[in-house]
Amino acid sequence: MHHAVVIGGLEFSPLVIYFPMAFILTALTRFILHRLDWHDRIWKVAWFEVSLFMCFLALSVFLLSGR
């Protein structure tokens, strides 16, 4: 079961932590792909970035859920 995150006495969903972490990992991966000049090989860049974000979000929820 996921636990609420308490910030300043207010309870928030754990997604408050998971979303920024997935966004940072996606941005870092995108930066590395552009730096290595591999972004030209991706057919649909927008779909790739959305799916990459979803994969990182699922990974962060899986790893940090405390099972």
Protein backbone atom coordinates (compact mmCIF):
# COMPACT_ATOMS: atom_id res chain seq x y z
CA MET A 1 0.00 0.00 0.00
CA HIS A 2 1.27 3.45 -0.86
CA HIS A 3 1.65 5.87 2.01
CA ALA A 4 0.75 9.53 1.90
CA VAL A 5 3.52 12.11 1.81
CA VAL A 6 3.20 14.74 4.52
CA ILE A 7 4.53 18.20 3.62
CA GLY A 8 3.86 21.04 6.04
CA GLY A 9 1.08 19.14 7.78
CA LEU A 10 -0.75 18.40 4.53
CA GLU A 11 -1.09 14.91 3.11
CA PHE A 12 -0.31 14.45 -0.57
CA SER A 13 -0.36 11.51 -2.92
CA PRO A 14 2.98 9.72 -3.38
CA LEU A 15 2.81 10.82 -7.02
CA VAL A 16 4.04 14.21 -5.76
CA ILE A 17 7.43 12.49 -5.41
CA TYR A 18 7.18 10.07 -8.35
CA PHE A 19 6.26 12.56 -11.09
CA PRO A 20 9.23 14.95 -10.67
CA MET A 21 11.61 12.02 -10.38
CA ALA A 22 10.30 10.48 -13.61
CA PHE A 23 10.45 13.88 -15.31
CA ILE A 24 14.07 14.41 -14.29
CA LEU A 25 15.05 10.93 -15.51
CA THR A 26 13.26 11.56 -18.81
CA ALA A 27 14.98 14.91 -19.25
CA LEU A 28 18.36 13.37 -18.45
CA THR A 29 17.79 10.55 -20.96
CA ARG A 30 16.66 13.05 -23.58
CA PHE A 31 19.76 15.16 -22.96
CA ILE A 32 22.01 12.13 -23.34
CA LEU A 33 20.28 11.09 -26.58
CA HIS A 34 20.73 14.57 -28.02
CA ARG A 35 24.33 14.74 -26.85
CA LEU A 36 25.13 11.41 -28.55
CA ASP A 37 23.24 12.49 -31.69
CA TRP A 38 20.88 9.51 -31.45
CA HIS A 39 17.69 11.59 -31.44
CA ASP A 40 17.63 11.51 -35.25
CA ARG A 41 17.05 7.75 -35.20
CA ILE A 42 13.76 8.05 -33.31
CA TRP A 43 10.78 7.94 -35.64
CA LYS A 44 8.15 9.73 -33.54
CA VAL A 45 9.97 11.79 -30.92
CA ALA A 46 6.88 12.94 -28.99
CA TRP A 47 5.52 9.41 -28.60
CA PHE A 48 8.94 8.18 -27.56
CA GLU A 49 9.28 10.83 -24.87
CA VAL A 50 5.80 10.19 -23.47
CA SER A 51 6.42 6.44 -23.36
CA LEU A 52 9.83 7.00 -21.78
CA PHE A 53 8.21 9.16 -19.09
CA MET A 54 5.59 6.49 -18.42
CA CYS A 55 8.25 3.79 -18.16
CA PHE A 56 10.27 5.86 -15.69
CA LEU A 57 7.11 6.64 -13.72
CA ALA A 58 6.19 2.95 -13.52
CA LEU A 59 9.74 2.07 -12.50
CA SER A 60 9.81 4.68 -9.74
CA VAL A 61 6.43 3.53 -8.39
CA PHE A 62 7.59 -0.09 -8.47
CA LEU A 63 10.92 0.58 -6.76
CA LEU A 64 9.71 3.07 -4.14
CA SER A 65 6.38 1.50 -3.25
CA GLY A 66 7.92 -0.35 -0.31
CA ARG A 67 6.99 -3.91 -1.17
